[in-house]
Amino acid sequence: MGQLQERLVWDHDAGAILDADRRYVMLRADVLMGLFTALPPAQREQALASLKASVRDHGGASARAYQASGARDPGPFLQVMAQAAADLGWGVWQLRLDEADLPVLTVKNSPFATAVAGSDRPVCHAITGMLEAVSALVAGHANTYRETRCASMGAPCCEFQASRDASPGLRK
């Protein structure tokens, strides 16, 4: 069992799942992603961008708590984040630092990608948002990330890198 799973409190009487003061909710991935696929393309992109920003901002609180609980060095912190992602069902994360000491992420079995097979664009905006929060803690400043490969588009896994330019450059 992962560290996050050990800390979660399932308060049946209150109908809540808590990690300290952070409340979690269980939701099927296809239910969440179905909301986005039902929207017209322009609205879908805006909604997914909003999801990314929300996860970066609110999920970042969890990342800060994990870091403050003793995982201050980048290596152990990235391991804690990978374990927390697995504990929450966000796939198997492999995090490493690139030549600029920025996190690079590969995700196998992304729940967001598996819920939207056959997409013509990346769909793992929630993961991108969390990676931006993690990167800010590791690097000490904000970084913008993009998904460069997505399993929803047929790639074997999802890959995320810090944006170095404005072009999306997505490859399949």
Protein backbone atom coordinates (compact mmCIF):
# COMPACT_ATOMS: atom_id res chain seq x y z
CA MET A 1 0.00 0.00 0.00
CA GLY A 2 1.29 3.48 -0.88
CA GLN A 3 1.90 6.31 1.57
CA LEU A 4 -1.14 8.28 0.42
CA GLN A 5 -3.42 5.25 0.68
CA GLU A 6 -2.21 4.77 4.26
CA ARG A 7 -3.05 8.39 5.15
CA LEU A 8 -6.49 8.52 3.54
CA VAL A 9 -9.38 8.58 5.97
CA TRP A 10 -12.59 7.10 4.61
CA ASP A 11 -15.21 8.81 6.77
CA HIS A 12 -18.35 6.91 5.86
CA ASP A 13 -20.54 8.87 8.29
CA ALA A 14 -19.53 12.17 6.68
CA GLY A 15 -19.38 10.72 3.18
CA ALA A 16 -15.82 11.98 2.75
CA ILE A 17 -12.35 10.76 1.79
CA LEU A 18 -9.66 12.91 3.43
CA ASP A 19 -5.90 13.33 3.52
CA ALA A 20 -5.58 15.77 6.44
CA ASP A 21 -7.73 18.73 5.33
CA ARG A 22 -7.59 17.81 1.62
CA ARG A 23 -10.80 16.14 0.44
CA TYR A 24 -10.74 13.62 -2.38
CA VAL A 25 -13.55 12.23 -4.48
CA MET A 26 -13.77 8.98 -6.38
CA LEU A 27 -15.10 9.40 -9.90
CA ARG A 28 -14.90 7.08 -12.88
CA ALA A 29 -12.51 8.38 -15.52
CA ASP A 30 -15.00 7.83 -18.35
CA VAL A 31 -17.60 9.92 -16.49
CA LEU A 32 -15.17 12.82 -16.08
CA MET A 33 -13.76 12.65 -19.60
CA GLY A 34 -17.24 12.15 -21.07
CA LEU A 35 -18.02 15.69 -19.95
CA PHE A 36 -15.23 17.01 -22.15
CA THR A 37 -15.92 14.83 -25.19
CA ALA A 38 -19.56 15.97 -25.14
CA LEU A 39 -18.55 19.62 -25.58
CA PRO A 40 -18.03 21.31 -28.95
CA PRO A 41 -14.29 21.45 -29.82
CA ALA A 42 -13.69 25.10 -28.88
CA GLN A 43 -15.46 24.72 -25.56
CA ARG A 44 -13.70 21.39 -24.95
CA GLU A 45 -10.26 23.01 -25.26
CA GLN A 46 -11.27 25.82 -22.91
CA ALA A 47 -12.72 23.36 -20.37
CA LEU A 48 -9.63 21.13 -20.49
CA ALA A 49 -7.40 24.18 -20.05
CA SER A 50 -9.50 25.13 -17.01
CA LEU A 51 -9.08 21.60 -15.61
CA LYS A 52 -5.31 21.90 -16.05
CA ALA A 53 -5.24 25.24 -14.23
CA SER A 54 -7.45 23.96 -11.42
CA VAL A 55 -5.30 20.88 -10.85
CA ARG A 56 -2.15 23.03 -10.95
CA ASP A 57 -3.58 25.41 -8.36
CA HIS A 58 -5.56 23.09 -6.08
CA GLY A 59 -3.60 19.88 -6.64
CA GLY A 60 -0.50 21.94 -6.01
CA ALA A 61 -1.64 22.17 -2.38
CA SER A 62 -1.27 18.40 -2.12
CA ALA A 63 2.17 18.53 -3.74
CA ARG A 64 3.26 21.23 -1.27
CA ALA A 65 1.99 19.11 1.63
CA TYR A 66 3.88 16.05 0.37
CA GLN A 67 7.05 18.10 0.01
CA ALA A 68 6.64 19.65 3.47
CA SER A 69 6.19 16.20 5.02
CA GLY A 70 9.84 15.42 4.45
CA ALA A 71 10.38 14.99 0.71
CA ARG A 72 12.27 18.26 0.16
CA ASP A 73 15.04 16.95 -2.11
CA PRO A 74 13.96 16.61 -5.77
CA GLY A 75 14.64 12.85 -6.08
CA PRO A 76 12.59 11.71 -3.08
CA PHE A 77 9.90 14.32 -3.81
CA LEU A 78 9.45 13.04 -7.37
CA GLN A 79 9.20 9.48 -6.00
CA VAL A 80 6.51 10.57 -3.50
CA MET A 81 4.57 12.24 -6.31
CA ALA A 82 4.82 9.15 -8.53
CA GLN A 83 3.56 6.96 -5.68
CA ALA A 84 0.71 9.37 -4.89
CA ALA A 85 -0.33 9.34 -8.55
CA ALA A 86 -0.47 5.55 -8.51
CA ASP A 87 -2.36 5.59 -5.19
CA LEU A 88 -4.98 7.86 -6.76
CA GLY A 89 -5.32 5.81 -9.94
CA TRP A 90 -3.57 8.38 -12.15
CA GLY A 91 -1.44 5.72 -13.86
CA VAL A 92 2.18 4.69 -13.41
CA TRP A 93 4.40 7.77 -13.36
CA GLN A 94 8.10 7.80 -14.16
CA LEU A 95 9.57 11.18 -13.25
CA ARG A 96 13.13 12.28 -13.97
CA LEU A 97 14.97 15.58 -14.25
CA ASP A 98 16.13 16.81 -17.66
CA GLU A 99 19.38 18.65 -18.41
CA ALA A 100 17.84 21.90 -17.06
CA ASP A 101 16.77 20.13 -13.82
CA LEU A 102 13.11 20.29 -14.83
CA PRO A 103 10.87 17.26 -14.35
CA VAL A 104 10.04 15.14 -17.38
CA LEU A 105 7.16 12.69 -16.99
CA THR A 106 6.14 9.46 -18.68
CA VAL A 107 2.78 7.95 -17.72
CA LYS A 108 1.64 4.43 -18.47
CA ASN A 109 -2.07 3.68 -18.12
CA SER A 110 -3.31 7.27 -17.82
CA PRO A 111 -6.98 7.09 -16.81
CA PHE A 112 -7.67 10.22 -18.86
CA ALA A 113 -6.18 8.74 -22.04
CA THR A 114 -7.80 5.33 -21.63
CA ALA A 115 -11.19 7.00 -21.22
CA VAL A 116 -10.83 8.87 -24.56
CA ALA A 117 -9.34 6.36 -27.01
CA GLY A 118 -9.07 7.58 -30.58
CA SER A 119 -8.57 11.26 -29.78
CA ASP A 120 -6.99 13.60 -32.31
CA ARG A 121 -5.23 15.56 -29.55
CA PRO A 122 -3.78 15.02 -26.07
CA VAL A 123 -6.31 14.71 -23.24
CA CYS A 124 -4.24 14.41 -20.05
CA HIS A 125 -4.62 18.04 -19.00
CA ALA A 126 -5.10 17.09 -15.34
CA ILE A 127 -1.71 15.37 -15.32
CA THR A 128 -0.14 18.36 -17.07
CA GLY A 129 -1.53 20.65 -14.37
CA MET A 130 -0.13 18.51 -11.56
CA LEU A 131 3.24 18.33 -13.31
CA GLU A 132 3.32 22.13 -13.52
CA ALA A 133 2.69 22.31 -9.75
CA VAL A 134 5.42 19.74 -9.08
CA SER A 135 7.86 21.48 -11.40
CA ALA A 136 7.35 24.83 -9.67
CA LEU A 137 8.28 23.22 -6.36
CA VAL A 138 11.35 21.48 -7.80
CA ALA A 139 12.61 24.40 -9.90
CA GLY A 140 11.50 27.23 -7.63
CA HIS A 141 9.61 28.96 -10.46
CA ALA A 142 6.61 28.32 -12.69
CA ASN A 143 7.04 26.24 -15.84
CA THR A 144 4.58 25.52 -18.61
CA TYR A 145 4.26 21.90 -19.73
CA ARG A 146 2.77 20.17 -22.71
CA GLU A 147 1.89 16.60 -23.44
CA THR A 148 4.12 15.50 -26.31
CA ARG A 149 2.66 12.00 -26.70
CA CYS A 150 -0.74 10.72 -25.61
CA ALA A 151 -1.99 7.17 -25.36
CA SER A 152 -5.44 8.43 -26.38
CA MET A 153 -3.87 9.07 -29.80
CA GLY A 154 -2.31 5.62 -30.06
CA ALA A 155 1.05 6.24 -28.37
CA PRO A 156 2.26 3.47 -26.02
CA CYS A 157 2.35 5.97 -23.12
CA CYS A 158 1.86 9.64 -22.39
CA GLU A 159 4.88 11.94 -22.21
CA PHE A 160 5.15 15.45 -20.81
CA GLN A 161 7.93 18.02 -21.16
CA ALA A 162 8.48 21.65 -20.26
CA SER A 163 7.50 23.85 -23.19
CA ARG A 164 10.56 25.32 -24.83
CA ASP A 165 8.64 27.13 -27.59
CA ALA A 166 5.11 28.12 -28.52
CA SER A 167 4.57 25.36 -31.10
CA PRO A 168 2.66 22.32 -29.83
CA GLY A 169 4.80 19.85 -31.80
CA LEU A 170 2.74 16.85 -30.73
CA ARG A 171 3.91 13.59 -32.18
CA LYS A 172 2.00 10.36 -32.24
